[in-house]
């Protein structure tokens, strides 16, 4: 097929790897399926790196949100360790804990 750079077949594992720098991925998958085989597309390393960076940024934002919502509990625990009562009323504790537990896990 025009545009295919390299193809490697492993008969023992019944797999093949195809590099197609100039070929249309949809046409390549259609050709493989027309030959009677299953074709799975794997994203390119640059796209994978961009996807990973996006997931890492989202995880960082979630961590920051969790830390902000958990900070009042830390202040409350320090106050209780110093002998004062709870500074956070139970409804506030619930309102702060639900997003941390429900969203961040």
N, C-alpha and C. Protein backbone atom coordinates (compact mmCIF):
# COMPACT_ATOMS: atom_id res chain seq x y z
N UNK A 1 0.86 -1.17 0.00
CA UNK A 1 0.00 0.00 0.00
C UNK A 1 0.91 1.24 0.00
N UNK A 2 0.63 2.20 -0.84
CA UNK A 2 1.46 3.41 -0.88
C UNK A 2 1.39 4.17 0.45
N UNK A 3 2.53 4.68 0.90
CA UNK A 3 2.59 5.46 2.12
C UNK A 3 2.99 4.68 3.34
N UNK A 4 3.06 3.35 3.24
CA UNK A 4 3.47 2.52 4.37
C UNK A 4 4.99 2.53 4.43
N UNK A 5 5.53 2.88 5.59
CA UNK A 5 6.97 2.95 5.75
C UNK A 5 7.60 1.62 6.11
N UNK A 6 6.98 0.89 7.03
CA UNK A 6 7.56 -0.36 7.51
C UNK A 6 6.42 -1.23 8.05
N UNK A 7 6.58 -2.54 7.91
CA UNK A 7 5.58 -3.47 8.44
C UNK A 7 6.32 -4.66 9.04
N UNK A 8 5.93 -5.05 10.24
CA UNK A 8 6.52 -6.19 10.93
C UNK A 8 5.40 -7.12 11.36
N UNK A 9 5.55 -8.41 11.06
CA UNK A 9 4.53 -9.40 11.39
C UNK A 9 5.14 -10.42 12.34
N UNK A 10 4.40 -10.74 13.41
CA UNK A 10 4.81 -11.78 14.35
C UNK A 10 3.77 -12.89 14.26
N UNK A 11 4.12 -13.96 13.56
CA UNK A 11 3.18 -15.05 13.37
C UNK A 11 2.86 -15.78 14.67
N UNK A 12 3.84 -15.88 15.56
CA UNK A 12 3.62 -16.58 16.83
C UNK A 12 2.57 -15.87 17.69
N UNK A 13 2.61 -14.53 17.69
CA UNK A 13 1.66 -13.76 18.49
C UNK A 13 0.44 -13.33 17.67
N UNK A 14 0.46 -13.59 16.39
CA UNK A 14 -0.62 -13.19 15.47
C UNK A 14 -0.84 -11.68 15.52
N UNK A 15 0.28 -10.94 15.46
CA UNK A 15 0.20 -9.48 15.47
C UNK A 15 1.05 -8.91 14.34
N UNK A 16 0.74 -7.67 14.03
CA UNK A 16 1.54 -6.95 13.03
C UNK A 16 1.62 -5.50 13.47
N UNK A 17 2.75 -4.88 13.17
CA UNK A 17 2.94 -3.46 13.42
C UNK A 17 3.26 -2.80 12.10
N UNK A 18 2.56 -1.71 11.81
CA UNK A 18 2.74 -1.00 10.55
C UNK A 18 3.01 0.46 10.84
N UNK A 19 4.08 0.98 10.26
CA UNK A 19 4.36 2.42 10.34
C UNK A 19 3.92 3.03 9.03
N UNK A 20 3.12 4.06 9.11
CA UNK A 20 2.55 4.65 7.90
C UNK A 20 2.68 6.17 7.94
N UNK A 21 3.87 6.70 7.74
CA UNK A 21 4.05 8.14 7.83
C UNK A 21 3.29 8.93 6.77
N UNK A 22 3.07 8.34 5.59
CA UNK A 22 2.41 9.09 4.53
C UNK A 22 1.08 8.47 4.10
N UNK A 23 0.63 7.44 4.80
CA UNK A 23 -0.62 6.77 4.42
C UNK A 23 -1.77 7.29 5.27
N UNK A 24 -2.96 7.16 4.71
CA UNK A 24 -4.17 7.54 5.43
C UNK A 24 -4.51 6.41 6.41
N UNK A 25 -4.58 6.67 7.73
CA UNK A 25 -4.86 5.60 8.69
C UNK A 25 -6.18 4.90 8.42
N UNK A 26 -7.20 5.64 8.02
CA UNK A 26 -8.50 5.01 7.78
C UNK A 26 -8.43 4.07 6.58
N UNK A 27 -7.69 4.45 5.54
CA UNK A 27 -7.54 3.59 4.37
C UNK A 27 -6.73 2.35 4.71
N UNK A 28 -5.72 2.51 5.54
CA UNK A 28 -4.91 1.37 5.96
C UNK A 28 -5.74 0.38 6.77
N UNK A 29 -6.53 0.88 7.70
CA UNK A 29 -7.39 0.01 8.52
C UNK A 29 -8.42 -0.68 7.63
N UNK A 30 -8.97 0.04 6.66
CA UNK A 30 -9.94 -0.57 5.74
C UNK A 30 -9.29 -1.68 4.91
N UNK A 31 -8.05 -1.48 4.47
CA UNK A 31 -7.35 -2.51 3.70
C UNK A 31 -7.08 -3.75 4.54
N UNK A 32 -6.71 -3.55 5.79
CA UNK A 32 -6.45 -4.69 6.68
C UNK A 32 -7.74 -5.45 6.94
N UNK A 33 -8.83 -4.74 7.17
CA UNK A 33 -10.12 -5.40 7.40
C UNK A 33 -10.62 -6.10 6.15
N UNK A 34 -10.37 -5.51 4.98
CA UNK A 34 -10.78 -6.14 3.72
C UNK A 34 -10.02 -7.44 3.49
N UNK A 35 -8.82 -7.54 4.05
CA UNK A 35 -8.04 -8.77 3.92
C UNK A 35 -8.49 -9.82 4.92
N UNK A 36 -9.44 -9.47 5.80
CA UNK A 36 -9.98 -10.45 6.74
C UNK A 36 -9.34 -10.45 8.12
N UNK A 37 -8.63 -9.38 8.44
CA UNK A 37 -7.98 -9.29 9.74
C UNK A 37 -8.56 -8.14 10.55
N UNK A 38 -8.26 -8.15 11.84
CA UNK A 38 -8.69 -7.06 12.72
C UNK A 38 -7.59 -6.02 12.78
N UNK A 39 -7.98 -4.76 12.77
CA UNK A 39 -7.00 -3.67 12.80
C UNK A 39 -7.29 -2.76 13.98
N UNK A 40 -6.27 -2.51 14.76
CA UNK A 40 -6.37 -1.58 15.88
C UNK A 40 -5.41 -0.44 15.62
N UNK A 41 -5.87 0.77 15.83
CA UNK A 41 -5.04 1.94 15.61
C UNK A 41 -4.42 2.39 16.92
N UNK A 42 -3.16 2.69 16.87
CA UNK A 42 -2.45 3.20 18.04
C UNK A 42 -2.04 4.63 17.73
N UNK A 43 -2.21 5.53 18.70
CA UNK A 43 -1.90 6.93 18.44
C UNK A 43 -0.39 7.15 18.39
N UNK A 44 0.00 8.16 17.64
CA UNK A 44 1.41 8.48 17.47
C UNK A 44 2.01 8.97 18.78
N UNK A 45 3.33 8.86 18.96
CA UNK A 45 3.96 9.30 20.21
C UNK A 45 3.71 10.77 20.54
N UNK A 46 3.70 11.64 19.54
CA UNK A 46 3.45 13.06 19.83
C UNK A 46 2.04 13.28 20.36
N UNK A 47 1.08 12.57 19.76
CA UNK A 47 -0.30 12.68 20.23
C UNK A 47 -0.44 12.07 21.61
N UNK A 48 0.27 10.97 21.86
CA UNK A 48 0.23 10.33 23.17
C UNK A 48 0.81 11.26 24.23
N UNK A 49 1.91 11.95 23.88
CA UNK A 49 2.52 12.89 24.84
C UNK A 49 1.58 14.04 25.15
N UNK A 50 0.87 14.54 24.14
CA UNK A 50 -0.08 15.63 24.36
C UNK A 50 -1.24 15.17 25.23
N UNK A 51 -1.69 13.93 24.98
CA UNK A 51 -2.79 13.39 25.79
C UNK A 51 -2.35 13.19 27.23
N UNK A 52 -1.14 12.69 27.42
CA UNK A 52 -0.61 12.49 28.77
C UNK A 52 -0.45 13.82 29.49
N UNK A 53 0.04 14.84 28.78
CA UNK A 53 0.20 16.16 29.39
C UNK A 53 -1.16 16.73 29.81
N UNK A 54 -2.18 16.51 28.99
CA UNK A 54 -3.53 16.96 29.35
C UNK A 54 -4.06 16.27 30.58
N UNK A 55 -3.83 14.95 30.67
CA UNK A 55 -4.27 14.21 31.86
C UNK A 55 -3.51 14.66 33.10
N UNK A 56 -2.20 14.91 32.94
CA UNK A 56 -1.39 15.36 34.08
C UNK A 56 -1.86 16.73 34.57
N UNK A 57 -2.19 17.63 33.64
CA UNK A 57 -2.67 18.96 34.03
C UNK A 57 -4.00 18.85 34.76
N UNK A 58 -4.88 17.99 34.28
CA UNK A 58 -6.18 17.80 34.93
C UNK A 58 -5.99 17.21 36.33
N UNK A 59 -5.07 16.27 36.47
CA UNK A 59 -4.80 15.68 37.78
C UNK A 59 -4.22 16.73 38.73
N UNK A 60 -3.38 17.61 38.21
CA UNK A 60 -2.81 18.68 39.04
C UNK A 60 -3.88 19.64 39.53
N UNK A 61 -4.82 19.98 38.65
CA UNK A 61 -5.92 20.87 39.06
C UNK A 61 -6.79 20.20 40.11
N UNK A 62 -7.03 18.90 39.94
CA UNK A 62 -7.84 18.16 40.91
C UNK A 62 -7.13 18.09 42.26
N UNK A 63 -5.82 17.90 42.23
CA UNK A 63 -5.04 17.87 43.47
C UNK A 63 -5.09 19.23 44.17
N UNK A 64 -4.96 20.30 43.41
CA UNK A 64 -5.02 21.65 43.99
C UNK A 64 -6.39 21.92 44.61
N UNK A 65 -7.45 21.55 43.91
CA UNK A 65 -8.80 21.74 44.44
C UNK A 65 -8.98 20.94 45.73
N UNK A 66 -8.49 19.71 45.74
CA UNK A 66 -8.60 18.87 46.94
C UNK A 66 -7.84 19.48 48.11
N UNK A 67 -6.65 20.01 47.83
CA UNK A 67 -5.84 20.62 48.90
C UNK A 67 -6.53 21.85 49.47
N UNK A 68 -7.11 22.66 48.59
CA UNK A 68 -7.81 23.88 49.06
C UNK A 68 -9.01 23.50 49.92
N UNK A 69 -9.77 22.50 49.48
CA UNK A 69 -10.95 22.10 50.24
C UNK A 69 -10.59 21.35 51.53
N UNK A 70 -9.39 20.78 51.59
CA UNK A 70 -8.96 20.04 52.79
C UNK A 70 -8.26 20.93 53.80
N UNK A 71 -7.76 22.10 53.40
CA UNK A 71 -7.02 22.99 54.30
C UNK A 71 -7.81 23.36 55.56
N UNK A 72 -9.11 23.65 55.47
CA UNK A 72 -9.84 23.96 56.71
C UNK A 72 -9.84 22.82 57.72
N UNK A 73 -9.77 21.58 57.24
CA UNK A 73 -9.71 20.44 58.16
C UNK A 73 -8.38 20.43 58.91
N UNK A 74 -7.31 20.79 58.23
CA UNK A 74 -6.00 20.85 58.88
C UNK A 74 -6.00 21.91 59.98
N UNK A 75 -6.55 23.08 59.67
CA UNK A 75 -6.64 24.15 60.68
C UNK A 75 -7.50 23.67 61.85
N UNK A 76 -8.58 22.98 61.55
CA UNK A 76 -9.47 22.47 62.58
C UNK A 76 -8.76 21.45 63.46
N UNK A 77 -7.97 20.58 62.86
CA UNK A 77 -7.25 19.56 63.64
C UNK A 77 -6.19 20.19 64.54
N UNK A 78 -5.51 21.22 64.04
CA UNK A 78 -4.51 21.91 64.87
C UNK A 78 -5.20 22.57 66.05
N UNK A 79 -6.33 23.23 65.80
CA UNK A 79 -7.07 23.87 66.88
C UNK A 79 -7.52 22.85 67.92
N UNK A 80 -7.98 21.70 67.48
CA UNK A 80 -8.43 20.67 68.41
C UNK A 80 -7.24 20.10 69.19
N UNK A 81 -6.07 19.99 68.54
CA UNK A 81 -4.88 19.49 69.24
C UNK A 81 -4.41 20.46 70.31
N UNK A 82 -4.71 21.75 70.13
CA UNK A 82 -4.34 22.77 71.11
C UNK A 82 -5.39 22.91 72.20
N UNK A 83 -6.40 22.07 72.18
CA UNK A 83 -7.38 22.06 73.25
C UNK A 83 -8.64 22.85 72.96
N UNK A 84 -8.74 23.47 71.82
CA UNK A 84 -9.98 24.18 71.49
C UNK A 84 -10.95 23.18 70.88
N UNK A 85 -12.18 23.57 70.87
CA UNK A 85 -13.19 22.72 70.25
C UNK A 85 -13.10 22.80 68.73
N UNK A 86 -14.00 22.11 68.09
CA UNK A 86 -14.04 22.10 66.64
C UNK A 86 -14.42 23.49 66.12
N UNK A 87 -13.66 24.00 65.16
CA UNK A 87 -13.95 25.30 64.56
C UNK A 87 -14.94 25.20 63.40
N UNK A 88 -15.02 24.03 62.82
CA UNK A 88 -15.91 23.83 61.67
C UNK A 88 -17.19 23.13 62.11
N UNK A 89 -18.32 23.75 61.86
CA UNK A 89 -19.58 23.07 62.17
C UNK A 89 -19.74 21.85 61.25
N UNK A 90 -20.43 20.84 61.70
CA UNK A 90 -20.60 19.61 60.90
C UNK A 90 -21.14 19.84 59.48
N UNK A 91 -22.12 20.76 59.26
CA UNK A 91 -22.55 20.95 57.88
C UNK A 91 -21.43 21.46 56.96
N UNK A 92 -20.55 22.31 57.49
CA UNK A 92 -19.41 22.79 56.70
C UNK A 92 -18.43 21.65 56.42
N UNK A 93 -18.22 20.81 57.41
CA UNK A 93 -17.33 19.66 57.21
C UNK A 93 -17.86 18.77 56.09
N UNK A 94 -19.15 18.52 56.12
CA UNK A 94 -19.77 17.70 55.08
C UNK A 94 -19.65 18.35 53.71
N UNK A 95 -19.92 19.66 53.65
CA UNK A 95 -19.86 20.38 52.37
C UNK A 95 -18.45 20.39 51.79
N UNK A 96 -17.43 20.43 52.64
CA UNK A 96 -16.05 20.42 52.17
C UNK A 96 -15.57 19.00 51.83
N UNK A 97 -16.06 18.02 52.55
CA UNK A 97 -15.58 16.65 52.36
C UNK A 97 -16.20 15.96 51.15
N UNK A 98 -17.43 16.28 50.83
CA UNK A 98 -18.12 15.58 49.72
C UNK A 98 -17.38 15.78 48.39
N UNK A 99 -17.00 17.00 48.01
CA UNK A 99 -16.28 17.13 46.73
C UNK A 99 -14.93 16.41 46.73
N UNK A 100 -14.24 16.46 47.86
CA UNK A 100 -12.93 15.80 47.92
C UNK A 100 -13.09 14.28 47.77
N UNK A 101 -14.02 13.70 48.50
CA UNK A 101 -14.21 12.26 48.44
C UNK A 101 -14.93 11.82 47.17
N UNK A 102 -15.91 12.59 46.76
CA UNK A 102 -16.72 12.19 45.60
C UNK A 102 -16.05 12.42 44.27
N UNK A 103 -15.27 13.49 44.15
CA UNK A 103 -14.65 13.82 42.86
C UNK A 103 -13.21 13.34 42.81
N UNK A 104 -12.45 13.68 43.81
CA UNK A 104 -11.03 13.32 43.79
C UNK A 104 -10.80 11.89 44.25
N UNK A 105 -11.68 11.39 45.10
CA UNK A 105 -11.57 9.99 45.54
C UNK A 105 -10.61 9.86 46.65
